[in-house]
Amino acid sequence: MSVFSVKLRKDVKERMDRYKGRVNWADEVRRFIEDRLRVLEAEDNIRRVVEELSSIPLESPRGSSVASVREDRESR
């Protein structure tokens, strides 16, 4: 594991100290960071998929539907 340090205002640290018997602050912060990273990575993945999909042409060449139907009918 790596160490990550954070500076807090003194009043925040004092408030945290009041609950240190009930809250494992290191686990809370670690869980928050991991959750936030999952959200950011999911956003990146969605953005990448949307970019790839937007590069795919939505229109088919003119007449391709007619040709496809004709080909299907003739194959019977």
N, C-alpha and C. Protein backbone atom coordinates (compact mmCIF):
# COMPACT_ATOMS: atom_id res chain seq x y z
N MET A 1 0.83 -1.19 0.00
CA MET A 1 0.00 0.00 0.00
C MET A 1 0.87 1.24 0.00
N SER A 2 0.32 2.33 -0.50
CA SER A 2 0.98 3.61 -0.48
C SER A 2 0.34 4.49 0.58
N VAL A 3 1.07 5.51 1.00
CA VAL A 3 0.56 6.45 2.00
C VAL A 3 0.10 7.71 1.30
N PHE A 4 -1.06 8.21 1.72
CA PHE A 4 -1.64 9.44 1.18
C PHE A 4 -2.00 10.30 2.37
N SER A 5 -1.41 11.48 2.48
CA SER A 5 -1.66 12.36 3.63
C SER A 5 -2.55 13.51 3.23
N VAL A 6 -3.34 13.96 4.20
CA VAL A 6 -4.27 15.07 3.97
C VAL A 6 -4.14 16.04 5.14
N LYS A 7 -4.12 17.33 4.84
CA LYS A 7 -4.12 18.33 5.89
C LYS A 7 -5.56 18.77 6.13
N LEU A 8 -5.92 18.82 7.41
CA LEU A 8 -7.26 19.23 7.81
C LEU A 8 -7.18 20.44 8.73
N ARG A 9 -8.27 21.19 8.74
CA ARG A 9 -8.34 22.26 9.72
C ARG A 9 -8.37 21.62 11.10
N LYS A 10 -7.87 22.33 12.09
CA LYS A 10 -7.78 21.79 13.44
C LYS A 10 -9.15 21.41 13.99
N ASP A 11 -10.16 22.23 13.72
CA ASP A 11 -11.50 21.94 14.24
C ASP A 11 -12.08 20.65 13.63
N VAL A 12 -11.77 20.40 12.38
CA VAL A 12 -12.25 19.18 11.73
C VAL A 12 -11.59 17.97 12.38
N LYS A 13 -10.30 18.05 12.61
CA LYS A 13 -9.58 16.94 13.26
C LYS A 13 -10.12 16.69 14.66
N GLU A 14 -10.41 17.74 15.40
CA GLU A 14 -10.95 17.59 16.75
C GLU A 14 -12.32 16.91 16.70
N ARG A 15 -13.13 17.29 15.74
CA ARG A 15 -14.45 16.66 15.59
C ARG A 15 -14.31 15.19 15.22
N MET A 16 -13.36 14.88 14.34
CA MET A 16 -13.12 13.49 13.97
C MET A 16 -12.68 12.68 15.19
N ASP A 17 -11.82 13.28 16.00
CA ASP A 17 -11.31 12.59 17.18
C ASP A 17 -12.43 12.19 18.15
N ARG A 18 -13.50 12.96 18.17
CA ARG A 18 -14.64 12.64 19.04
C ARG A 18 -15.28 11.31 18.65
N TYR A 19 -15.16 10.93 17.39
CA TYR A 19 -15.82 9.73 16.88
C TYR A 19 -14.84 8.62 16.50
N LYS A 20 -13.58 8.76 16.88
CA LYS A 20 -12.60 7.77 16.42
C LYS A 20 -12.86 6.38 16.98
N GLY A 21 -13.60 6.26 18.07
CA GLY A 21 -13.96 4.94 18.58
C GLY A 21 -15.06 4.29 17.77
N ARG A 22 -15.83 5.11 17.04
CA ARG A 22 -16.95 4.60 16.25
C ARG A 22 -16.67 4.56 14.76
N VAL A 23 -15.72 5.36 14.32
CA VAL A 23 -15.46 5.48 12.88
C VAL A 23 -13.98 5.23 12.62
N ASN A 24 -13.71 4.35 11.67
CA ASN A 24 -12.33 4.14 11.21
C ASN A 24 -12.14 5.09 10.02
N TRP A 25 -11.58 6.25 10.30
CA TRP A 25 -11.49 7.30 9.29
C TRP A 25 -10.66 6.88 8.09
N ALA A 26 -9.61 6.11 8.32
CA ALA A 26 -8.77 5.65 7.19
C ALA A 26 -9.60 4.79 6.24
N ASP A 27 -10.42 3.88 6.80
CA ASP A 27 -11.27 3.05 5.95
C ASP A 27 -12.32 3.88 5.23
N GLU A 28 -12.88 4.86 5.93
CA GLU A 28 -13.88 5.74 5.31
C GLU A 28 -13.30 6.48 4.10
N VAL A 29 -12.12 7.05 4.30
CA VAL A 29 -11.48 7.82 3.22
C VAL A 29 -11.08 6.88 2.09
N ARG A 30 -10.53 5.73 2.43
CA ARG A 30 -10.12 4.75 1.41
C ARG A 30 -11.32 4.31 0.57
N ARG A 31 -12.43 4.01 1.25
CA ARG A 31 -13.64 3.57 0.55
C ARG A 31 -14.20 4.69 -0.35
N PHE A 32 -14.16 5.92 0.16
CA PHE A 32 -14.64 7.05 -0.64
C PHE A 32 -13.80 7.22 -1.91
N ILE A 33 -12.49 7.15 -1.76
CA ILE A 33 -11.59 7.33 -2.92
C ILE A 33 -11.82 6.20 -3.94
N GLU A 34 -11.92 4.97 -3.47
CA GLU A 34 -12.15 3.85 -4.38
C GLU A 34 -13.49 3.98 -5.10
N ASP A 35 -14.54 4.38 -4.39
CA ASP A 35 -15.85 4.57 -5.01
C ASP A 35 -15.80 5.69 -6.04
N ARG A 36 -15.15 6.78 -5.68
CA ARG A 36 -15.04 7.92 -6.61
C ARG A 36 -14.28 7.52 -7.87
N LEU A 37 -13.22 6.76 -7.72
CA LEU A 37 -12.45 6.29 -8.88
C LEU A 37 -13.30 5.40 -9.77
N ARG A 38 -14.12 4.52 -9.17
CA ARG A 38 -15.00 3.67 -9.97
C ARG A 38 -15.96 4.52 -10.80
N VAL A 39 -16.51 5.56 -10.20
CA VAL A 39 -17.44 6.44 -10.92
C VAL A 39 -16.71 7.14 -12.06
N LEU A 40 -15.53 7.69 -11.79
CA LEU A 40 -14.77 8.39 -12.83
C LEU A 40 -14.39 7.46 -13.97
N GLU A 41 -13.97 6.23 -13.64
CA GLU A 41 -13.60 5.27 -14.68
C GLU A 41 -14.82 4.86 -15.50
N ALA A 42 -15.97 4.73 -14.85
CA ALA A 42 -17.19 4.40 -15.59
C ALA A 42 -17.57 5.53 -16.53
N GLU A 43 -17.43 6.77 -16.08
CA GLU A 43 -17.71 7.92 -16.94
C GLU A 43 -16.78 7.93 -18.15
N ASP A 44 -15.50 7.64 -17.92
CA ASP A 44 -14.54 7.58 -19.03
C ASP A 44 -14.92 6.49 -20.02
N ASN A 45 -15.31 5.32 -19.51
CA ASN A 45 -15.70 4.22 -20.39
C ASN A 45 -16.93 4.57 -21.21
N ILE A 46 -17.91 5.19 -20.57
CA ILE A 46 -19.12 5.60 -21.29
C ILE A 46 -18.77 6.62 -22.36
N ARG A 47 -17.94 7.59 -22.02
CA ARG A 47 -17.54 8.61 -22.98
C ARG A 47 -16.83 7.97 -24.19
N ARG A 48 -15.97 6.99 -23.91
CA ARG A 48 -15.24 6.31 -24.98
C ARG A 48 -16.21 5.55 -25.90
N VAL A 49 -17.19 4.86 -25.30
CA VAL A 49 -18.16 4.10 -26.10
C VAL A 49 -19.00 5.05 -26.94
N VAL A 50 -19.43 6.15 -26.35
CA VAL A 50 -20.24 7.13 -27.10
C VAL A 50 -19.43 7.69 -28.27
N GLU A 51 -18.16 7.99 -28.06
CA GLU A 51 -17.31 8.48 -29.15
C GLU A 51 -17.20 7.45 -30.27
N GLU A 52 -17.01 6.18 -29.90
CA GLU A 52 -16.90 5.13 -30.91
C GLU A 52 -18.21 4.97 -31.66
N LEU A 53 -19.31 4.97 -30.93
CA LEU A 53 -20.62 4.82 -31.58
C LEU A 53 -20.95 6.00 -32.48
N SER A 54 -20.51 7.19 -32.09
CA SER A 54 -20.82 8.37 -32.91
C SER A 54 -20.04 8.37 -34.22
N SER A 55 -18.98 7.58 -34.30
CA SER A 55 -18.22 7.52 -35.54
C SER A 55 -18.83 6.53 -36.55
N ILE A 56 -19.81 5.74 -36.09
CA ILE A 56 -20.46 4.77 -36.97
C ILE A 56 -21.58 5.49 -37.73
N PRO A 57 -21.58 5.40 -39.05
CA PRO A 57 -22.64 6.07 -39.81
C PRO A 57 -23.99 5.44 -39.52
N LEU A 58 -24.99 6.29 -39.31
CA LEU A 58 -26.33 5.80 -39.00
C LEU A 58 -27.14 5.51 -40.25
N GLU A 59 -26.77 6.10 -41.35
CA GLU A 59 -27.52 5.89 -42.59
C GLU A 59 -26.92 4.75 -43.38
N SER A 60 -27.79 3.96 -43.97
CA SER A 60 -27.32 2.90 -44.84
C SER A 60 -27.28 3.44 -46.27
N PRO A 61 -26.48 2.84 -47.12
CA PRO A 61 -26.41 3.31 -48.51
C PRO A 61 -27.79 3.25 -49.17
N ARG A 62 -28.05 4.19 -50.04
CA ARG A 62 -29.34 4.27 -50.73
C ARG A 62 -29.61 2.98 -51.51
N GLY A 63 -30.79 2.42 -51.30
CA GLY A 63 -31.19 1.21 -52.01
C GLY A 63 -30.80 -0.07 -51.31
N SER A 64 -30.07 0.02 -50.21
CA SER A 64 -29.62 -1.21 -49.56
C SER A 64 -30.79 -1.98 -48.95
N SER A 65 -31.82 -1.30 -48.48
CA SER A 65 -32.99 -1.98 -47.91
C SER A 65 -33.70 -2.78 -48.98
N VAL A 66 -33.88 -2.17 -50.15
CA VAL A 66 -34.55 -2.85 -51.26
C VAL A 66 -33.75 -4.09 -51.66
N ALA A 67 -32.45 -3.92 -51.75
CA ALA A 67 -31.59 -5.05 -52.14
C ALA A 67 -31.64 -6.16 -51.10
N SER A 68 -31.68 -5.80 -49.84
CA SER A 68 -31.72 -6.79 -48.77
C SER A 68 -33.02 -7.57 -48.79
N VAL A 69 -34.14 -6.87 -48.98
CA VAL A 69 -35.44 -7.54 -49.06
C VAL A 69 -35.48 -8.45 -50.27
N ARG A 70 -35.01 -7.96 -51.42
CA ARG A 70 -35.01 -8.76 -52.65
C ARG A 70 -34.16 -10.02 -52.45
N GLU A 71 -32.99 -9.87 -51.85
CA GLU A 71 -32.12 -11.00 -51.63
C GLU A 71 -32.79 -12.04 -50.71
N ASP A 72 -33.48 -11.55 -49.68
CA ASP A 72 -34.17 -12.46 -48.77
C ASP A 72 -35.28 -13.21 -49.48
N ARG A 73 -36.05 -12.53 -50.30
CA ARG A 73 -37.16 -13.17 -51.03
C ARG A 73 -36.64 -14.21 -52.02
N GLU A 74 -35.55 -13.88 -52.68
CA GLU A 74 -35.01 -14.79 -53.69
C GLU A 74 -34.36 -16.02 -53.07
N SER A 75 -33.98 -15.92 -51.79
CA SER A 75 -33.32 -17.07 -51.16
C SER A 75 -34.31 -18.13 -50.70
N ARG A 76 -35.60 -17.86 -50.80
CA ARG A 76 -36.62 -18.83 -50.36
C ARG A 76 -36.93 -19.83 -51.42
